[in-house]
N, C-alpha and C. Protein backbone atom coordinates (compact mmCIF):
# COMPACT_ATOMS: atom_id res chain seq x y z
N MET A 1 20.30 -15.37 -20.59
CA MET A 1 20.11 -14.50 -21.60
C MET A 1 19.98 -12.96 -21.08
N ASP A 2 20.24 -11.99 -21.79
CA ASP A 2 19.89 -10.62 -21.12
C ASP A 2 18.71 -10.28 -21.25
N LYS A 3 18.50 -9.26 -20.40
CA LYS A 3 17.23 -8.92 -19.95
C LYS A 3 16.61 -8.07 -20.88
N LYS A 4 17.73 -7.26 -21.96
CA LYS A 4 17.03 -6.34 -22.82
C LYS A 4 16.64 -7.20 -23.86
N ASN A 5 16.66 -8.37 -24.23
CA ASN A 5 16.37 -9.32 -25.31
C ASN A 5 14.77 -9.79 -24.78
N PHE A 6 14.02 -9.25 -23.99
CA PHE A 6 12.69 -9.52 -23.61
C PHE A 6 11.75 -8.73 -24.10
N ALA A 7 10.59 -9.19 -24.57
CA ALA A 7 9.77 -8.04 -25.16
C ALA A 7 8.79 -6.99 -24.18
N PHE A 8 8.74 -7.89 -23.10
CA PHE A 8 7.86 -6.98 -22.03
C PHE A 8 8.91 -7.23 -20.57
N GLY A 9 8.12 -6.16 -20.26
CA GLY A 9 9.40 -5.79 -18.45
C GLY A 9 8.36 -6.27 -17.54
N LYS A 10 8.76 -6.33 -16.24
CA LYS A 10 8.09 -6.89 -15.18
C LYS A 10 6.83 -6.26 -14.97
N ASN A 11 6.66 -4.95 -15.12
CA ASN A 11 5.04 -4.44 -15.03
C ASN A 11 4.15 -4.65 -16.35
N ASN A 12 4.76 -4.76 -17.41
CA ASN A 12 3.91 -5.35 -18.50
C ASN A 12 3.14 -6.72 -18.25
N LEU A 13 4.03 -7.51 -17.75
CA LEU A 13 3.74 -9.10 -17.28
C LEU A 13 2.66 -8.90 -15.98
N ILE A 14 2.97 -7.94 -15.32
CA ILE A 14 1.98 -8.23 -14.25
C ILE A 14 0.69 -7.36 -14.88
N LEU A 15 0.56 -6.39 -15.66
CA LEU A 15 -0.88 -6.09 -16.13
C LEU A 15 -1.09 -7.06 -16.99
N ILE A 16 -0.70 -7.87 -17.91
CA ILE A 16 -1.08 -9.18 -18.41
C ILE A 16 -1.67 -10.09 -17.51
N ALA A 17 -1.21 -10.10 -16.40
CA ALA A 17 -1.78 -11.32 -15.57
C ALA A 17 -3.11 -10.72 -14.97
N ILE A 18 -3.06 -9.55 -14.83
CA ILE A 18 -4.29 -8.95 -13.86
C ILE A 18 -5.45 -8.77 -14.39
N GLY A 19 -5.01 -8.59 -16.15
CA GLY A 19 -5.91 -8.72 -17.23
C GLY A 19 -6.65 -10.07 -17.33
N VAL A 20 -5.90 -11.19 -17.49
CA VAL A 20 -6.57 -12.38 -17.52
C VAL A 20 -7.17 -12.47 -16.37
N ALA A 21 -7.00 -12.28 -15.51
CA ALA A 21 -7.80 -12.90 -14.10
C ALA A 21 -8.80 -11.89 -14.08
N ILE A 22 -9.05 -10.98 -14.71
CA ILE A 22 -10.00 -9.98 -14.73
C ILE A 22 -11.19 -10.62 -15.56
N VAL A 23 -10.56 -10.95 -16.99
CA VAL A 23 -11.46 -11.64 -17.88
C VAL A 23 -11.98 -12.91 -17.20
N ILE A 24 -11.26 -13.79 -16.16
CA ILE A 24 -11.46 -15.07 -16.00
C ILE A 24 -13.02 -14.98 -14.68
N ILE A 25 -12.73 -13.52 -14.18
CA ILE A 25 -13.98 -13.29 -13.24
C ILE A 25 -15.08 -12.97 -14.15
N GLY A 26 -14.88 -12.35 -15.28
CA GLY A 26 -16.21 -11.84 -15.91
C GLY A 26 -16.74 -13.17 -16.61
N PHE A 27 -15.73 -14.21 -16.91
CA PHE A 27 -16.52 -15.08 -17.53
C PHE A 27 -17.35 -16.14 -16.33
N LEU A 28 -16.64 -16.18 -15.21
CA LEU A 28 -17.48 -16.58 -14.02
C LEU A 28 -18.64 -16.06 -13.84
N LEU A 29 -18.74 -14.55 -13.94
CA LEU A 29 -20.03 -13.99 -13.96
C LEU A 29 -21.07 -14.42 -14.91
N MET A 30 -20.68 -14.74 -15.91
CA MET A 30 -21.70 -15.05 -16.85
C MET A 30 -22.04 -16.47 -16.64
N THR A 31 -21.19 -17.46 -15.55
CA THR A 31 -22.08 -18.65 -15.35
C THR A 31 -23.32 -18.77 -14.78
N GLY A 32 -24.14 -19.74 -14.82
CA GLY A 32 -25.21 -19.92 -14.23
C GLY A 32 -25.91 -21.01 -14.46
N PRO A 33 -27.58 -21.08 -14.18
CA PRO A 33 -28.26 -22.28 -14.59
C PRO A 33 -28.65 -22.01 -16.01
N SER A 34 -29.00 -23.16 -16.67
CA SER A 34 -29.21 -23.03 -18.22
C SER A 34 -30.60 -23.50 -18.57
N THR A 35 -31.10 -23.11 -19.42
CA THR A 35 -32.53 -23.40 -19.90
C THR A 35 -32.47 -24.97 -20.53
N THR A 36 -33.61 -25.86 -20.10
CA THR A 36 -33.88 -27.05 -20.76
C THR A 36 -35.15 -27.17 -21.66
N VAL A 37 -35.38 -27.90 -22.19
CA VAL A 37 -36.48 -27.97 -23.01
C VAL A 37 -37.70 -28.08 -22.13
N ASP A 38 -37.36 -29.01 -20.62
CA ASP A 38 -38.43 -28.69 -19.62
C ASP A 38 -38.88 -27.79 -19.21
N HIS A 39 -37.99 -27.00 -18.86
CA HIS A 39 -38.01 -25.71 -18.05
C HIS A 39 -36.87 -24.57 -18.49
N PHE A 40 -37.96 -23.52 -18.46
CA PHE A 40 -37.06 -22.07 -18.83
C PHE A 40 -36.41 -21.52 -17.65
N GLU A 41 -35.21 -21.02 -17.64
CA GLU A 41 -34.68 -20.19 -16.54
C GLU A 41 -34.83 -18.88 -16.57
N ALA A 42 -35.34 -18.26 -16.28
CA ALA A 42 -35.60 -16.88 -16.54
C ALA A 42 -33.94 -15.69 -16.30
N ASP A 43 -33.26 -16.53 -15.44
CA ASP A 43 -31.99 -16.31 -14.98
C ASP A 43 -30.99 -15.70 -16.16
N ILE A 44 -31.12 -16.49 -17.34
CA ILE A 44 -30.24 -16.50 -18.41
C ILE A 44 -30.23 -14.75 -19.09
N PHE A 45 -31.34 -14.07 -18.51
CA PHE A 45 -31.25 -12.76 -18.97
C PHE A 45 -31.27 -11.61 -17.74
N SER A 46 -30.51 -12.14 -16.65
CA SER A 46 -30.29 -11.19 -15.78
C SER A 46 -29.39 -10.21 -15.93
N VAL A 47 -29.28 -9.11 -15.28
CA VAL A 47 -28.09 -7.91 -15.60
C VAL A 47 -26.72 -8.40 -15.30
N ARG A 48 -26.68 -9.47 -14.24
CA ARG A 48 -25.28 -9.94 -13.88
C ARG A 48 -24.64 -10.40 -15.38
N ARG A 49 -25.29 -11.50 -15.91
CA ARG A 49 -25.00 -12.09 -17.14
C ARG A 49 -24.92 -11.58 -18.20
N VAL A 50 -26.14 -10.68 -18.83
CA VAL A 50 -25.79 -9.44 -19.90
C VAL A 50 -25.18 -8.35 -19.86
N ARG A 51 -25.15 -7.97 -18.86
CA ARG A 51 -24.44 -6.46 -18.97
C ARG A 51 -23.48 -6.41 -18.19
N ILE A 52 -23.29 -6.92 -16.81
CA ILE A 52 -21.95 -6.49 -16.22
C ILE A 52 -21.03 -7.42 -16.28
N ALA A 53 -20.90 -8.79 -16.56
CA ALA A 53 -20.07 -9.84 -16.83
C ALA A 53 -19.30 -9.35 -18.24
N PRO A 54 -19.68 -9.20 -19.40
CA PRO A 54 -19.40 -8.79 -20.67
C PRO A 54 -18.58 -7.42 -20.41
N VAL A 55 -19.17 -6.01 -19.61
CA VAL A 55 -18.07 -5.31 -19.38
C VAL A 55 -17.28 -5.39 -18.78
N VAL A 56 -17.03 -6.76 -17.36
CA VAL A 56 -15.88 -6.80 -16.88
C VAL A 56 -14.78 -7.55 -17.92
N CYS A 57 -15.40 -8.24 -18.50
CA CYS A 57 -14.53 -8.93 -19.46
C CYS A 57 -13.82 -8.21 -20.53
N LEU A 58 -14.70 -7.24 -21.11
CA LEU A 58 -13.87 -5.76 -21.80
C LEU A 58 -12.86 -5.44 -21.30
N ILE A 59 -13.17 -4.77 -19.91
CA ILE A 59 -12.16 -4.22 -19.32
C ILE A 59 -10.80 -5.05 -19.09
N GLY A 60 -10.98 -6.35 -18.78
CA GLY A 60 -9.78 -7.17 -18.85
C GLY A 60 -9.12 -7.14 -20.31
N PHE A 61 -9.84 -7.17 -21.42
CA PHE A 61 -9.07 -7.15 -22.45
C PHE A 61 -8.40 -6.12 -22.75
N ILE A 62 -9.15 -5.02 -22.54
CA ILE A 62 -8.57 -3.73 -22.77
C ILE A 62 -7.32 -3.58 -21.80
N LEU A 63 -7.22 -3.87 -20.97
CA LEU A 63 -5.78 -3.92 -19.90
C LEU A 63 -5.04 -4.65 -20.63
N MET A 64 -4.95 -5.78 -21.11
CA MET A 64 -4.11 -6.82 -21.68
C MET A 64 -3.79 -5.70 -22.85
N VAL A 65 -4.55 -5.39 -23.85
CA VAL A 65 -3.91 -4.65 -24.81
C VAL A 65 -3.40 -3.91 -24.58
N TYR A 66 -3.58 -2.65 -23.51
CA TYR A 66 -2.48 -1.63 -22.77
C TYR A 66 -1.24 -2.09 -22.58
N ALA A 67 -1.41 -3.62 -21.65
CA ALA A 67 0.06 -3.59 -21.23
C ALA A 67 0.65 -4.13 -22.51
N VAL A 68 0.28 -4.97 -23.83
CA VAL A 68 1.04 -5.11 -24.96
C VAL A 68 1.78 -4.04 -25.35
N ILE A 69 1.10 -3.04 -25.39
CA ILE A 69 1.45 -1.78 -26.18
C ILE A 69 2.42 -1.05 -25.51
N ALA A 70 2.47 -0.82 -23.88
CA ALA A 70 2.91 -0.17 -23.12
C ALA A 70 4.48 -0.28 -23.21
N LYS A 71 5.27 0.73 -23.16
CA LYS A 71 6.56 0.51 -23.59
C LYS A 71 7.10 0.29 -22.12
N PRO A 72 8.22 -0.90 -22.31
CA PRO A 72 8.70 -1.09 -20.68
C PRO A 72 9.75 -0.12 -20.35
N LYS A 73 9.63 0.07 -18.80
CA LYS A 73 10.51 1.01 -18.36
C LYS A 73 11.93 0.48 -18.42
N GLU A 74 12.88 1.44 -18.57
CA GLU A 74 14.16 1.15 -18.73
C GLU A 74 14.79 0.87 -17.17
N ASP A 75 15.98 0.26 -17.11
CA ASP A 75 16.42 0.06 -15.79
C ASP A 75 17.36 0.98 -15.89
N LYS A 76 17.49 1.73 -14.66
CA LYS A 76 18.61 2.78 -14.14
C LYS A 76 19.70 1.82 -13.77
N LYS A 77 20.90 2.25 -14.74
CA LYS A 77 22.14 1.49 -14.22
C LYS A 77 23.32 2.83 -14.13
């Protein structure tokens, strides 16, 4: 198959992979102990889980959108 038929270039695919990795890191930052009926866990309102992790996920999603929209570079022949 000819390389000109692909929708994404090499740089686009690399940016998408980096964006997916950043989103996964964001979701991992959201994990932690949960509250049960018998015990209230105050860590569910920590800065890491409420502010930092969603911002990290948002940055990853924005990077993926940019990677999809960005025009792939032409090969010089």
